[in-house]
Amino acid sequence: MGALFFGMYWMGYFLTPEKQHLAEKYQVSQDAVFIAPKPRGCDSKDAPVGNKHCHYDRKEEGIRDDRGKVTAVYVTWDKMQE
């Protein structure tokens, strides 16, 4: 029975939208969370075909007001060469 509840909890966690996770993590509304789409170009299937020796690192940044409270969250991607 416990395994069933544990499984349902994890299923709910993974089905929850990323925007909602970030809003809860930084304690802001979902309207204050901005997620840039992940860029393309480092995948080995992208033209020209082959290893591009790069990947994208995800970067979360919380924008704070004068009192230090997070008012907005931005998710961006940084291209990293390998």
N, C-alpha and C. Protein backbone atom coordinates (compact mmCIF):
# COMPACT_ATOMS: atom_id res chain seq x y z
N MET A 1 0.82 -1.19 0.00
CA MET A 1 0.00 0.00 0.00
C MET A 1 0.87 1.26 0.00
N GLY A 2 1.92 1.24 0.80
CA GLY A 2 2.83 2.38 0.86
C GLY A 2 3.52 2.60 -0.48
N ALA A 3 3.87 1.52 -1.15
CA ALA A 3 4.53 1.64 -2.46
C ALA A 3 3.58 2.28 -3.47
N LEU A 4 2.30 1.99 -3.36
CA LEU A 4 1.31 2.57 -4.27
C LEU A 4 1.24 4.08 -4.08
N PHE A 5 1.17 4.54 -2.84
CA PHE A 5 1.13 5.98 -2.57
C PHE A 5 2.43 6.66 -3.00
N PHE A 6 3.57 6.00 -2.76
CA PHE A 6 4.85 6.53 -3.17
C PHE A 6 4.90 6.67 -4.69
N GLY A 7 4.43 5.65 -5.39
CA GLY A 7 4.40 5.69 -6.86
C GLY A 7 3.49 6.79 -7.37
N MET A 8 2.34 6.98 -6.72
CA MET A 8 1.41 8.02 -7.15
C MET A 8 2.01 9.41 -6.90
N TYR A 9 2.75 9.56 -5.80
CA TYR A 9 3.40 10.84 -5.50
C TYR A 9 4.41 11.17 -6.59
N TRP A 10 5.28 10.23 -6.92
CA TRP A 10 6.31 10.48 -7.93
C TRP A 10 5.72 10.69 -9.31
N MET A 11 4.64 9.97 -9.61
CA MET A 11 3.97 10.19 -10.90
C MET A 11 3.43 11.61 -10.97
N GLY A 12 2.82 12.07 -9.90
CA GLY A 12 2.31 13.43 -9.85
C GLY A 12 3.42 14.46 -9.97
N TYR A 13 4.56 14.17 -9.37
CA TYR A 13 5.70 15.09 -9.43
C TYR A 13 6.19 15.24 -10.87
N PHE A 14 6.33 14.13 -11.58
CA PHE A 14 6.85 14.19 -12.94
C PHE A 14 5.83 14.68 -13.96
N LEU A 15 4.57 14.65 -13.61
CA LEU A 15 3.53 15.15 -14.53
C LEU A 15 3.22 16.62 -14.29
N THR A 16 3.77 17.19 -13.23
CA THR A 16 3.57 18.60 -12.93
C THR A 16 4.43 19.45 -13.87
N PRO A 17 3.87 20.49 -14.46
CA PRO A 17 4.65 21.33 -15.37
C PRO A 17 5.86 21.98 -14.69
N GLU A 18 6.91 22.17 -15.46
CA GLU A 18 8.16 22.75 -14.93
C GLU A 18 7.93 24.15 -14.37
N LYS A 19 7.06 24.91 -15.03
CA LYS A 19 6.77 26.27 -14.55
C LYS A 19 6.23 26.24 -13.12
N GLN A 20 5.38 25.29 -12.84
CA GLN A 20 4.80 25.17 -11.50
C GLN A 20 5.87 24.78 -10.48
N HIS A 21 6.78 23.87 -10.85
CA HIS A 21 7.87 23.50 -9.94
C HIS A 21 8.72 24.72 -9.58
N LEU A 22 9.08 25.50 -10.60
CA LEU A 22 9.92 26.67 -10.34
C LEU A 22 9.17 27.72 -9.53
N ALA A 23 7.89 27.90 -9.79
CA ALA A 23 7.09 28.87 -9.04
C ALA A 23 7.06 28.49 -7.55
N GLU A 24 6.91 27.20 -7.26
CA GLU A 24 6.90 26.75 -5.88
C GLU A 24 8.28 26.86 -5.25
N LYS A 25 9.33 26.54 -6.01
CA LYS A 25 10.69 26.60 -5.50
C LYS A 25 11.09 28.01 -5.11
N TYR A 26 10.75 29.00 -5.94
CA TYR A 26 11.13 30.39 -5.69
C TYR A 26 10.02 31.21 -5.04
N GLN A 27 8.88 30.60 -4.79
CA GLN A 27 7.73 31.24 -4.16
C GLN A 27 7.27 32.49 -4.91
N VAL A 28 7.03 32.31 -6.22
CA VAL A 28 6.49 33.36 -7.08
C VAL A 28 5.30 32.76 -7.83
N SER A 29 4.53 33.62 -8.51
CA SER A 29 3.43 33.11 -9.30
C SER A 29 3.98 32.51 -10.60
N GLN A 30 3.22 31.65 -11.22
CA GLN A 30 3.65 31.03 -12.47
C GLN A 30 3.81 32.07 -13.58
N ASP A 31 3.10 33.19 -13.47
CA ASP A 31 3.23 34.26 -14.47
C ASP A 31 4.60 34.93 -14.41
N ALA A 32 5.32 34.76 -13.30
CA ALA A 32 6.64 35.38 -13.13
C ALA A 32 7.77 34.43 -13.48
N VAL A 33 7.44 33.28 -14.07
CA VAL A 33 8.45 32.30 -14.48
C VAL A 33 8.54 32.32 -16.00
N PHE A 34 9.75 32.54 -16.51
CA PHE A 34 9.98 32.63 -17.95
C PHE A 34 11.02 31.60 -18.35
N ILE A 35 10.64 30.66 -19.22
CA ILE A 35 11.52 29.58 -19.62
C ILE A 35 11.80 29.70 -21.11
N ALA A 36 13.06 29.91 -21.46
CA ALA A 36 13.45 29.99 -22.87
C ALA A 36 13.49 28.57 -23.44
N PRO A 37 13.06 28.39 -24.68
CA PRO A 37 13.13 27.06 -25.27
C PRO A 37 14.59 26.62 -25.43
N LYS A 38 14.85 25.32 -25.26
CA LYS A 38 16.20 24.81 -25.38
C LYS A 38 16.65 24.95 -26.84
N PRO A 39 17.81 25.56 -27.06
CA PRO A 39 18.29 25.74 -28.44
C PRO A 39 18.70 24.42 -29.07
N ARG A 40 18.76 24.44 -30.37
CA ARG A 40 19.19 23.27 -31.12
C ARG A 40 20.56 23.54 -31.70
N GLY A 41 21.20 22.51 -32.19
CA GLY A 41 22.46 22.70 -32.88
C GLY A 41 23.59 21.85 -32.36
N CYS A 42 23.46 21.29 -31.16
CA CYS A 42 24.54 20.45 -30.62
C CYS A 42 24.23 18.97 -30.76
N ASP A 43 23.02 18.63 -31.15
CA ASP A 43 22.65 17.23 -31.29
C ASP A 43 23.39 16.61 -32.47
N SER A 44 23.85 15.39 -32.32
CA SER A 44 24.63 14.76 -33.39
C SER A 44 23.81 14.51 -34.65
N LYS A 45 22.48 14.56 -34.54
CA LYS A 45 21.62 14.35 -35.71
C LYS A 45 21.36 15.63 -36.48
N ASP A 46 21.70 16.78 -35.89
CA ASP A 46 21.52 18.05 -36.59
C ASP A 46 22.57 18.20 -37.68
N ALA A 47 22.22 18.90 -38.75
CA ALA A 47 23.15 19.10 -39.86
C ALA A 47 24.26 20.05 -39.43
N PRO A 48 25.47 19.85 -39.80
CA PRO A 48 26.01 18.65 -40.43
C PRO A 48 26.04 17.50 -39.43
N VAL A 49 25.73 16.31 -39.89
CA VAL A 49 25.61 15.15 -39.01
C VAL A 49 26.97 14.83 -38.39
N GLY A 50 26.94 14.53 -37.11
CA GLY A 50 28.17 14.17 -36.40
C GLY A 50 28.26 14.87 -35.06
N ASN A 51 29.25 14.52 -34.29
CA ASN A 51 29.45 15.10 -32.97
C ASN A 51 29.90 16.55 -33.09
N LYS A 52 29.19 17.45 -32.45
CA LYS A 52 29.50 18.88 -32.51
C LYS A 52 30.41 19.32 -31.36
N HIS A 53 30.66 18.42 -30.43
CA HIS A 53 31.51 18.70 -29.27
C HIS A 53 30.99 19.89 -28.47
N CYS A 54 29.67 19.93 -28.29
CA CYS A 54 29.06 20.98 -27.47
C CYS A 54 27.79 20.45 -26.82
N HIS A 55 27.32 21.17 -25.83
CA HIS A 55 26.04 20.88 -25.19
C HIS A 55 25.53 22.18 -24.56
N TYR A 56 24.30 22.17 -24.09
CA TYR A 56 23.71 23.35 -23.47
C TYR A 56 23.49 23.09 -21.99
N ASP A 57 23.98 24.00 -21.15
CA ASP A 57 23.75 23.95 -19.71
C ASP A 57 22.57 24.85 -19.37
N ARG A 58 21.72 24.35 -18.52
CA ARG A 58 20.56 25.11 -18.07
C ARG A 58 20.98 26.06 -16.97
N LYS A 59 20.45 27.28 -17.01
CA LYS A 59 20.79 28.31 -16.01
C LYS A 59 19.50 28.91 -15.48
N GLU A 60 19.28 28.80 -14.17
CA GLU A 60 18.13 29.42 -13.50
C GLU A 60 18.60 30.68 -12.81
N GLU A 61 17.85 31.75 -12.99
CA GLU A 61 18.22 33.00 -12.33
C GLU A 61 16.99 33.64 -11.71
N GLY A 62 17.07 33.89 -10.42
CA GLY A 62 15.99 34.57 -9.71
C GLY A 62 16.29 36.05 -9.63
N ILE A 63 15.38 36.88 -10.08
CA ILE A 63 15.53 38.33 -10.01
C ILE A 63 14.94 38.80 -8.68
N ARG A 64 15.74 39.53 -7.91
CA ARG A 64 15.32 39.95 -6.57
C ARG A 64 15.02 41.45 -6.53
N ASP A 65 14.10 41.81 -5.64
CA ASP A 65 13.79 43.24 -5.44
C ASP A 65 14.72 43.81 -4.37
N ASP A 66 14.45 45.03 -3.93
CA ASP A 66 15.32 45.71 -2.96
C ASP A 66 15.40 44.99 -1.62
N ARG A 67 14.33 44.27 -1.27
CA ARG A 67 14.29 43.56 0.01
C ARG A 67 14.86 42.15 -0.07
N GLY A 68 15.28 41.73 -1.27
CA GLY A 68 15.86 40.40 -1.43
C GLY A 68 14.86 39.32 -1.79
N LYS A 69 13.60 39.70 -2.00
CA LYS A 69 12.57 38.73 -2.36
C LYS A 69 12.61 38.48 -3.86
N VAL A 70 12.53 37.21 -4.25
CA VAL A 70 12.53 36.86 -5.66
C VAL A 70 11.21 37.30 -6.28
N THR A 71 11.28 38.05 -7.38
CA THR A 71 10.07 38.54 -8.05
C THR A 71 9.86 37.89 -9.40
N ALA A 72 10.91 37.33 -10.00
CA ALA A 72 10.79 36.68 -11.30
C ALA A 72 11.90 35.63 -11.43
N VAL A 73 11.62 34.62 -12.24
CA VAL A 73 12.60 33.56 -12.48
C VAL A 73 12.76 33.40 -13.98
N TYR A 74 14.01 33.36 -14.43
CA TYR A 74 14.33 33.18 -15.84
C TYR A 74 15.17 31.92 -16.00
N VAL A 75 14.81 31.09 -16.97
CA VAL A 75 15.59 29.91 -17.31
C VAL A 75 16.16 30.15 -18.70
N THR A 76 17.48 30.11 -18.80
CA THR A 76 18.17 30.30 -20.08
C THR A 76 19.13 29.14 -20.30
N TRP A 77 19.75 29.12 -21.47
CA TRP A 77 20.65 28.04 -21.85
C TRP A 77 21.99 28.63 -22.28
N ASP A 78 23.08 28.08 -21.77
CA ASP A 78 24.43 28.50 -22.15
C ASP A 78 25.08 27.40 -22.97
N LYS A 79 25.60 27.74 -24.14
CA LYS A 79 26.28 26.77 -24.98
C LYS A 79 27.69 26.52 -24.43
N MET A 80 28.01 25.27 -24.22
CA MET A 80 29.31 24.88 -23.67
C MET A 80 30.04 24.02 -24.68
N GLN A 81 31.30 24.37 -24.95
CA GLN A 81 32.15 23.55 -25.82
C GLN A 81 32.79 22.45 -25.00
N GLU A 82 32.89 21.27 -25.57
CA GLU A 82 33.50 20.14 -24.86
C GLU A 82 34.94 19.98 -25.24
